[in-house]
Protein backbone atom coordinates (compact mmCIF):
# COMPACT_ATOMS: atom_id res chain seq x y z
CA MET A 1 -47.38 -26.82 -15.48
CA THR A 2 -47.55 -30.48 -14.55
CA ILE A 3 -46.59 -31.83 -11.15
CA PRO A 4 -43.65 -34.27 -11.42
CA HIS A 5 -44.30 -37.87 -10.49
CA PRO A 6 -42.33 -39.08 -7.47
CA THR A 7 -39.60 -41.62 -8.15
CA PRO A 8 -39.79 -45.16 -6.71
CA THR A 9 -37.27 -44.11 -4.06
CA ILE A 10 -39.50 -41.24 -2.94
CA ARG A 11 -42.61 -43.42 -2.92
CA ARG A 12 -40.78 -46.03 -0.86
CA ALA A 13 -39.66 -43.31 1.56
CA ARG A 14 -43.28 -42.26 1.99
CA VAL A 15 -44.15 -45.80 3.07
CA GLY A 16 -41.20 -45.76 5.46
CA VAL A 17 -42.34 -42.53 7.10
CA ALA A 18 -45.88 -43.90 7.34
CA LEU A 19 -44.53 -46.91 9.25
CA LEU A 20 -42.68 -44.59 11.64
CA PHE A 21 -45.90 -42.70 12.39
CA LEU A 22 -47.84 -45.96 12.74
CA THR A 23 -45.30 -47.22 15.27
CA ASN A 24 -45.29 -43.96 17.22
CA GLY A 25 -49.07 -44.07 17.56
CA ALA A 26 -49.08 -47.75 18.56
CA LEU A 27 -46.35 -47.75 21.21
CA LEU A 28 -47.97 -45.55 23.86
CA ALA A 29 -51.44 -46.90 23.03
CA ASN A 30 -50.21 -50.37 23.99
CA ILE A 31 -49.55 -49.37 27.59
CA LEU A 32 -52.34 -46.84 28.20
CA PRO A 33 -55.13 -49.43 28.68
CA ARG A 34 -52.90 -51.26 31.17
CA TYR A 35 -52.41 -48.25 33.44
CA PRO A 36 -55.20 -49.30 35.84
CA GLU A 37 -53.59 -52.74 36.21
CA ILE A 38 -50.17 -51.19 36.84
CA LYS A 39 -51.68 -48.75 39.33
CA ALA A 40 -53.28 -51.59 41.25
CA SER A 41 -50.19 -53.81 41.20
CA LEU A 42 -48.00 -51.01 42.55
CA GLY A 43 -50.59 -49.97 45.14
CA LEU A 44 -50.61 -46.33 43.99
CA ASP A 45 -53.14 -43.86 45.32
CA ALA A 46 -54.59 -41.22 42.99
CA THR A 47 -51.96 -38.61 43.86
CA PHE A 48 -48.92 -40.78 43.21
CA TYR A 49 -50.55 -42.25 40.13
CA GLY A 50 -51.15 -38.77 38.74
CA LEU A 51 -47.59 -37.72 39.47
CA SER A 52 -46.27 -40.87 37.79
CA ILE A 53 -48.31 -40.29 34.66
CA ALA A 54 -47.14 -36.67 34.52
CA ALA A 55 -43.57 -37.98 34.16
CA PHE A 56 -44.19 -38.69 30.46
CA PRO A 57 -44.87 -35.08 29.38
CA ALA A 58 -42.24 -33.91 31.87
CA GLY A 59 -39.62 -36.03 30.11
CA ALA A 60 -40.75 -34.70 26.75
CA ILE A 61 -40.43 -31.11 27.92
CA PHE A 62 -37.09 -31.71 29.64
CA VAL A 63 -35.25 -32.91 26.51
CA GLY A 64 -37.53 -31.80 23.69
CA LEU A 65 -35.41 -28.83 22.61
CA SER A 66 -32.42 -31.10 21.91
CA ALA A 67 -34.16 -32.80 18.96
CA ALA A 68 -32.82 -30.36 16.36
CA VAL A 69 -29.23 -31.01 17.44
CA PHE A 70 -29.64 -34.77 17.02
CA ILE A 71 -31.33 -34.34 13.63
CA ARG A 72 -28.55 -32.13 12.27
CA ARG A 73 -25.89 -34.51 13.61
CA PHE A 74 -27.37 -37.90 12.64
CA GLY A 75 -30.21 -37.22 10.17
CA SER A 76 -33.96 -37.25 10.80
CA ALA A 77 -34.60 -40.84 9.67
CA ARG A 78 -31.91 -42.36 11.90
CA VAL A 79 -33.01 -40.29 14.90
CA ALA A 80 -36.64 -41.32 14.35
CA MET A 81 -35.65 -45.01 14.24
CA ILE A 82 -33.43 -44.90 17.33
CA GLY A 83 -35.93 -42.73 19.19
CA SER A 84 -38.75 -45.18 18.42
CA ILE A 85 -36.73 -48.12 19.73
CA LEU A 86 -35.78 -46.21 22.89
CA THR A 87 -39.42 -45.24 23.42
CA ALA A 88 -40.48 -48.88 23.18
CA LEU A 89 -37.75 -50.02 25.58
CA ALA A 90 -38.59 -47.28 28.09
CA LEU A 91 -42.29 -48.22 28.03
CA LEU A 92 -41.33 -51.86 28.57
CA PHE A 93 -39.18 -50.73 31.50
CA ALA A 94 -42.18 -48.83 32.91
CA GLY A 95 -44.44 -51.84 32.46
CA LEU A 96 -42.02 -54.08 34.37
CA ALA A 97 -41.46 -51.50 37.14
CA PRO A 98 -41.50 -52.94 40.68
CA THR A 99 -42.06 -49.55 42.34
CA ALA A 100 -43.77 -46.24 41.61
CA ILE A 101 -40.43 -44.47 41.29
CA VAL A 102 -39.22 -46.89 38.63
CA PHE A 103 -42.57 -46.65 36.83
CA ALA A 104 -42.31 -42.86 36.75
CA LEU A 105 -38.69 -43.05 35.61
CA GLY A 106 -39.68 -45.35 32.74
CA LEU A 107 -42.40 -42.94 31.64
CA PHE A 108 -40.00 -40.00 31.95
CA LEU A 109 -37.50 -41.73 29.65
CA ALA A 110 -40.28 -42.75 27.27
CA GLY A 111 -41.54 -39.17 27.08
CA ALA A 112 -38.03 -37.89 26.41
CA ALA A 113 -37.47 -40.40 23.59
CA ASP A 114 -40.94 -39.80 22.18
CA ALA A 115 -40.39 -36.03 22.00
CA ILE A 116 -37.25 -36.47 19.90
CA THR A 117 -38.90 -39.13 17.75
CA ASP A 118 -41.89 -36.89 17.12
CA VAL A 119 -39.74 -34.07 15.77
CA ALA A 120 -37.53 -36.39 13.72
CA GLN A 121 -40.36 -38.24 12.00
CA ASN A 122 -42.14 -34.99 11.18
CA ALA A 123 -38.90 -33.51 9.84
CA HIS A 124 -38.37 -36.52 7.60
CA SER A 125 -42.00 -36.45 6.47
CA LEU A 126 -41.47 -32.85 5.33
CA ARG A 127 -38.29 -33.86 3.52
CA VAL A 128 -40.33 -36.46 1.62
CA GLN A 129 -43.14 -33.94 1.08
CA ARG A 130 -40.75 -31.51 -0.58
CA ALA A 131 -39.78 -34.27 -3.01
CA TYR A 132 -43.48 -34.85 -3.76
CA ASP A 133 -44.01 -31.12 -4.33
CA ARG A 134 -47.47 -31.32 -2.75
CA SER A 135 -48.94 -31.70 0.72
CA ILE A 136 -48.79 -35.20 2.24
CA ILE A 137 -47.98 -34.53 5.90
CA ASN A 138 -51.59 -34.79 7.07
CA SER A 139 -51.83 -38.34 5.75
CA PHE A 140 -48.97 -39.33 8.05
CA HIS A 141 -50.81 -37.91 11.05
CA ALA A 142 -53.88 -39.88 9.98
CA ILE A 143 -51.75 -43.03 9.98
CA TRP A 144 -50.58 -42.12 13.49
CA SER A 145 -54.26 -42.36 14.50
CA ILE A 146 -54.48 -45.80 12.90
CA GLY A 147 -51.42 -46.81 14.91
CA ALA A 148 -53.08 -45.62 18.11
CA VAL A 149 -56.15 -47.74 17.35
CA LEU A 150 -53.90 -50.72 16.54
CA GLY A 151 -51.94 -50.36 19.77
CA GLY A 152 -55.07 -49.98 21.86
CA SER A 153 -56.56 -53.06 20.20
CA MET A 154 -53.41 -55.07 20.92
CA ALA A 155 -53.68 -54.07 24.57
CA ALA A 156 -57.38 -54.98 24.69
CA VAL A 157 -56.63 -58.45 23.30
CA ALA A 158 -53.78 -58.92 25.76
CA ILE A 159 -56.03 -57.94 28.67
CA ALA A 160 -58.78 -60.28 27.47
CA LEU A 161 -56.30 -63.16 27.21
CA ARG A 162 -54.80 -62.29 30.62
CA VAL A 163 -51.34 -61.78 29.14
CA PRO A 164 -49.03 -60.24 31.77
CA VAL A 165 -48.09 -56.61 31.19
CA GLY A 166 -44.40 -57.40 30.77
CA ALA A 167 -44.98 -60.14 28.20
CA HIS A 168 -47.44 -57.99 26.26
CA LEU A 169 -45.11 -55.00 26.11
CA ALA A 170 -42.15 -57.23 25.24
CA VAL A 171 -44.06 -58.45 22.18
CA SER A 172 -44.96 -54.86 21.27
CA THR A 173 -41.31 -53.80 21.62
CA VAL A 174 -40.04 -56.58 19.37
CA VAL A 175 -42.75 -56.21 16.74
CA PHE A 176 -42.48 -52.46 16.37
CA GLY A 177 -38.72 -52.53 16.76
CA VAL A 178 -38.60 -54.67 13.61
CA VAL A 179 -41.09 -52.34 11.90
CA VAL A 180 -39.03 -49.19 12.54
CA VAL A 181 -35.81 -50.85 11.33
CA LEU A 182 -37.59 -51.78 8.09
CA ALA A 183 -39.02 -48.24 7.94
CA TYR A 184 -35.54 -46.74 8.30
CA ARG A 185 -34.28 -48.80 5.38
CA MET A 186 -37.09 -47.36 3.26
CA CYS A 187 -36.51 -43.72 4.24
CA LEU A 188 -34.43 -41.27 2.25
CA PRO A 189 -30.73 -42.02 2.68
CA GLY A 190 -28.07 -39.68 3.99
CA PRO A 191 -28.30 -36.51 6.04
CA ASP A 192 -31.02 -33.91 5.60
CA ALA A 193 -29.03 -31.94 3.05
CA GLU A 194 -31.43 -28.99 2.71
CA SER A 195 -33.31 -27.56 5.62
CA GLY A 196 -36.74 -26.03 5.41
CA ALA A 197 -35.21 -22.71 6.38
CA ASP A 198 -32.74 -22.85 3.52
CA ALA A 199 -35.50 -23.87 1.16
CA GLY A 200 -37.61 -20.95 2.35
CA ALA A 201 -34.82 -18.49 1.77
CA THR A 202 -34.25 -19.83 -1.74
CA ALA A 203 -37.94 -19.66 -2.54
CA SER A 204 -38.07 -16.04 -1.42
CA GLY A 205 -35.76 -15.11 -4.26
CA ASP A 206 -33.19 -13.28 -2.17
CA GLY A 207 -30.61 -15.99 -2.78
CA ALA A 208 -29.34 -15.84 0.80
CA ARG A 209 -30.30 -17.07 4.21
CA THR A 210 -32.50 -14.53 5.99
CA GLY A 211 -31.41 -13.59 9.51
CA PHE A 212 -33.77 -14.17 12.41
CA SER A 213 -35.81 -11.03 13.11
CA PRO A 214 -38.58 -9.80 15.42
CA ARG A 215 -41.05 -10.39 12.59
CA LEU A 216 -39.99 -14.01 12.33
CA ALA A 217 -40.24 -14.32 16.11
CA VAL A 218 -43.86 -13.14 15.95
CA THR A 219 -44.51 -15.64 13.16
CA LEU A 220 -43.03 -18.45 15.24
CA VAL A 221 -45.19 -17.49 18.24
CA ALA A 222 -48.27 -17.52 16.00
CA LEU A 223 -47.40 -21.01 14.74
CA ILE A 224 -46.94 -22.18 18.33
CA LEU A 225 -50.40 -20.83 19.16
CA ILE A 226 -51.94 -22.61 16.15
CA ALA A 227 -50.36 -25.91 17.16
CA THR A 228 -51.35 -25.39 20.80
CA ALA A 229 -54.93 -24.67 19.73
CA GLY A 230 -54.97 -28.04 18.00
CA ALA A 231 -53.58 -29.71 21.13
CA VAL A 232 -56.13 -28.03 23.41
CA ILE A 233 -59.03 -29.12 21.20
CA GLU A 234 -57.74 -32.70 21.00
CA ASP A 235 -57.14 -32.90 24.74
CA ALA A 236 -60.62 -31.57 25.52
CA GLY A 237 -62.12 -34.56 23.76
CA MET A 238 -59.65 -37.02 25.26
CA SER A 239 -59.87 -35.78 28.85
CA TRP A 240 -63.36 -34.33 29.22
CA ALA A 241 -65.81 -35.46 26.51
CA THR A 242 -66.98 -38.64 28.27
CA LEU A 243 -67.19 -36.94 31.67
CA TYR A 244 -69.15 -33.96 30.31
CA LEU A 245 -71.65 -36.11 28.43
CA SER A 246 -72.23 -38.48 31.35
CA ASP A 247 -72.10 -36.19 34.39
CA SER A 248 -73.30 -32.87 32.99
CA LEU A 249 -75.75 -34.05 30.34
CA GLY A 250 -76.79 -37.39 31.82
CA ALA A 251 -75.87 -39.56 28.84
CA ALA A 252 -75.57 -43.31 29.36
CA ALA A 253 -72.01 -44.60 29.73
CA ALA A 254 -71.89 -46.23 26.30
CA LEU A 255 -73.27 -43.13 24.62
CA ALA A 256 -70.99 -40.79 26.58
CA ALA A 257 -67.94 -42.57 25.18
CA THR A 258 -68.96 -41.56 21.65
CA GLY A 259 -67.98 -37.94 22.29
CA TYR A 260 -64.26 -38.67 22.10
CA ILE A 261 -64.81 -41.25 19.37
CA ALA A 262 -66.61 -38.60 17.32
CA LEU A 263 -63.71 -36.17 17.78
CA VAL A 264 -60.90 -38.55 16.84
CA GLY A 265 -62.95 -40.11 14.05
CA ALA A 266 -63.64 -36.73 12.46
CA GLN A 267 -60.02 -35.72 13.01
CA PHE A 268 -58.90 -38.84 11.14
CA VAL A 269 -61.23 -38.01 8.23
CA GLY A 270 -59.99 -34.43 8.21
CA ARG A 271 -56.39 -35.59 7.95
CA ILE A 272 -57.16 -38.09 5.20
CA PHE A 273 -58.63 -35.35 3.02
CA GLY A 274 -56.59 -32.47 4.47
CA ASP A 275 -53.70 -32.70 2.02
CA ARG A 276 -55.96 -32.48 -1.03
CA LEU A 277 -57.83 -29.53 0.45
CA ILE A 278 -54.58 -27.73 1.27
CA ASP A 279 -53.35 -28.24 -2.29
CA ARG A 280 -56.68 -26.95 -3.60
CA PHE A 281 -57.43 -24.03 -1.29
CA GLY A 282 -54.17 -23.32 0.54
CA ALA A 283 -52.95 -23.95 4.10
CA ARG A 284 -54.08 -20.57 5.44
CA ALA A 285 -57.65 -21.15 4.29
CA MET A 286 -57.62 -24.54 6.01
CA VAL A 287 -56.44 -23.05 9.31
CA ILE A 288 -59.14 -20.38 9.17
CA SER A 289 -61.92 -22.80 8.23
CA GLY A 290 -60.68 -25.35 10.75
CA GLY A 291 -60.65 -22.84 13.57
CA LEU A 292 -64.14 -21.65 12.64
CA PHE A 293 -65.45 -25.22 12.51
CA ALA A 294 -64.11 -25.91 16.01
CA ALA A 295 -65.31 -22.59 17.44
CA ALA A 296 -68.78 -22.74 15.90
CA GLY A 297 -69.31 -26.47 16.49
CA MET A 298 -68.43 -26.52 20.18
CA GLY A 299 -69.70 -23.00 20.74
CA LEU A 300 -73.21 -23.94 19.61
CA ALA A 301 -73.04 -27.24 21.48
CA LEU A 302 -72.19 -25.44 24.73
CA ALA A 303 -74.73 -22.68 24.15
CA PHE A 304 -77.54 -25.17 23.53
CA PRO A 305 -76.49 -28.29 25.47
CA THR A 306 -77.99 -31.58 24.28
CA VAL A 307 -76.38 -35.00 23.98
CA PRO A 308 -76.67 -35.26 20.15
CA GLY A 309 -75.62 -31.64 19.69
CA THR A 310 -72.58 -32.08 21.94
CA ILE A 311 -71.45 -35.22 20.13
CA LEU A 312 -71.77 -33.32 16.85
CA GLY A 313 -69.89 -30.41 18.41
CA PHE A 314 -66.97 -32.64 19.35
CA ALA A 315 -66.99 -34.09 15.83
CA LEU A 316 -66.79 -30.62 14.28
CA ALA A 317 -64.02 -29.73 16.72
CA GLY A 318 -62.07 -32.80 15.63
CA LEU A 319 -62.63 -32.02 11.97
CA GLY A 320 -61.54 -28.42 12.47
CA SER A 321 -58.41 -29.31 14.43
CA ALA A 322 -57.28 -32.02 12.00
CA THR A 323 -54.70 -30.00 10.06
CA LEU A 324 -53.69 -27.41 12.67
CA ILE A 325 -50.69 -29.22 14.17
CA PRO A 326 -49.32 -30.63 10.88
CA THR A 327 -49.62 -27.20 9.25
CA ALA A 328 -47.80 -25.50 12.12
CA PHE A 329 -45.01 -28.08 11.87
CA GLN A 330 -44.69 -27.55 8.13
CA GLU A 331 -44.60 -23.77 8.38
CA ALA A 332 -42.06 -23.85 11.22
CA ASP A 333 -39.82 -26.17 9.24
CA ASP A 334 -39.91 -23.72 6.32
CA MET A 335 -38.96 -20.64 8.36
CA PRO A 336 -35.83 -18.80 7.19
CA GLY A 337 -33.30 -17.68 9.75
CA LEU A 338 -33.37 -20.92 11.74
CA LYS A 339 -31.00 -23.87 11.67
CA HIS A 340 -32.41 -27.05 10.21
CA GLY A 341 -34.88 -28.70 12.58
CA SER A 342 -35.01 -25.79 15.00
CA GLY A 343 -38.39 -24.39 13.99
CA ILE A 344 -40.26 -27.67 14.19
CA THR A 345 -38.42 -28.55 17.43
CA ILE A 346 -39.52 -25.32 19.13
CA VAL A 347 -43.16 -25.71 18.02
CA ALA A 348 -43.27 -29.37 19.06
CA TRP A 349 -41.71 -28.52 22.43
CA MET A 350 -44.17 -25.74 23.19
CA LEU A 351 -46.99 -27.99 21.99
CA ARG A 352 -46.21 -30.34 24.88
CA PHE A 353 -47.05 -27.54 27.31
CA GLY A 354 -50.50 -27.36 25.73
CA PHE A 355 -51.12 -31.03 26.44
CA LEU A 356 -49.67 -30.65 29.94
CA LEU A 357 -51.50 -27.48 31.03
CA ALA A 358 -54.88 -27.77 29.32
CA PRO A 359 -56.36 -30.47 31.62
CA PRO A 360 -55.65 -28.63 34.90
CA VAL A 361 -56.91 -25.34 33.45
CA VAL A 362 -60.20 -26.94 32.45
CA GLY A 363 -60.31 -28.74 35.80
CA VAL A 364 -59.92 -25.55 37.84
CA ILE A 365 -62.68 -23.83 35.85
CA ALA A 366 -64.89 -26.91 36.18
CA ASP A 367 -64.45 -27.04 39.95
CA ASN A 368 -65.35 -23.37 40.35
CA VAL A 369 -67.90 -22.70 37.61
CA GLY A 370 -68.73 -26.03 35.99
CA LEU A 371 -67.37 -28.26 33.23
CA ARG A 372 -69.58 -26.62 30.62
CA ALA A 373 -67.75 -23.35 31.29
CA GLY A 374 -64.40 -25.13 31.27
CA LEU A 375 -65.03 -26.50 27.79
CA VAL A 376 -65.35 -22.95 26.44
CA ILE A 377 -61.59 -23.39 26.00
CA VAL A 378 -62.38 -25.32 22.78
CA PRO A 379 -64.12 -22.50 20.85
CA ILE A 380 -61.54 -20.06 22.25
CA ALA A 381 -58.77 -22.27 20.85
CA GLY A 382 -60.52 -22.32 17.49
CA LEU A 383 -60.68 -18.54 17.41
CA VAL A 384 -57.00 -18.30 18.39
CA ALA A 385 -56.15 -20.40 15.33
CA VAL A 386 -58.20 -18.09 13.13
CA VAL A 387 -56.50 -14.97 14.51
CA CYS A 388 -53.04 -16.48 14.01
CA ALA A 389 -53.73 -17.83 10.51
CA GLY A 390 -51.91 -14.90 8.91
CA ALA A 391 -48.64 -16.55 9.92
CA VAL A 392 -49.37 -19.38 7.47
CA LYS A 393 -48.54 -19.03 3.79
CA ARG A 394 -51.47 -19.32 1.42
CA ARG A 395 -49.73 -22.03 -0.63
CA MET A 396 -52.18 -21.85 -3.48
CA PRO A 397 -51.45 -24.51 -6.09
CA THR A 398 -49.75 -23.62 -9.34
CA ALA A 399 -52.09 -23.68 -12.31
CA ASP A 400 -51.49 -26.33 -14.91
């Protein structure tokens, strides 16, 4: 059996979704490097700065569960476009804030818009993936990483040229506002006619929509845990890799920074090749192998702490976590018994708690036992993904 070739409309929609992911990665990355400058200009101490930054995930959690309603009402592509524009405007508002309260409010609104955008763009990516009849969602998440690098580079150039924060973010807003409008015009037209849940019910052969059951609830919890495992692993590299390498292992500052670079670089590679591997070996096998890579890589690095071994451990953790979140999104979107967009909305919403709670959990352990002990959360997260892998369909490819 041969796999059908996508039509020009479907291929164009794939480019459109890629541009949405690129924009989403670039928008927040444009303001992150300017946080120290904003902190200084507003005269914030560490406590108020921390509370202000926490407004972004708080906004995401506050409105995140409403994403499915917007998607069903307006369509995933339109929601992703509008959400992207609102995210950019809210970040610009935060960058121009004259007080800490206004800065926090801007980040709260940006987090809220970003949460809805995240669900919508993933929902549309899965709509395009179903038309392709093969896995492509991981490639979109890889492009998100490219967008993050692009946004961070734009910020670095702006800082080097002494461009004011407001002017820099205004340029970012206009540029990526144009990009998302073009992306929307390339996406699949009309509403999302068939939900993943409906598609899953049809594929099961029962010819009817399956009601939500305790078994499906357990499956949904398992998918949330898989996605959260991916978030915990990613956050460990982002929040703690440099600190652990420099303070605990005595690495030079330049070398210590390579821990996070190794994680995100390996994660990018894993997402580039992840779709092909899923088509070849199945999504469940990828979750199991990914969890084992993360658990073994960081487990050995923590058991036998050296600078090279730890950098390699973070790289293996990034490689292992690469497909966890995209796979959980895909599986949740395919769950029967849920209204269109609900599964992916719930997983994405709970995922935000992982990003919000992981840093303080590691911090508390680090303060009482040491950061090396705190980072044990990474191999534990990998093992959680392995244990929950049964919730993922095997998805073995059809033989030709």
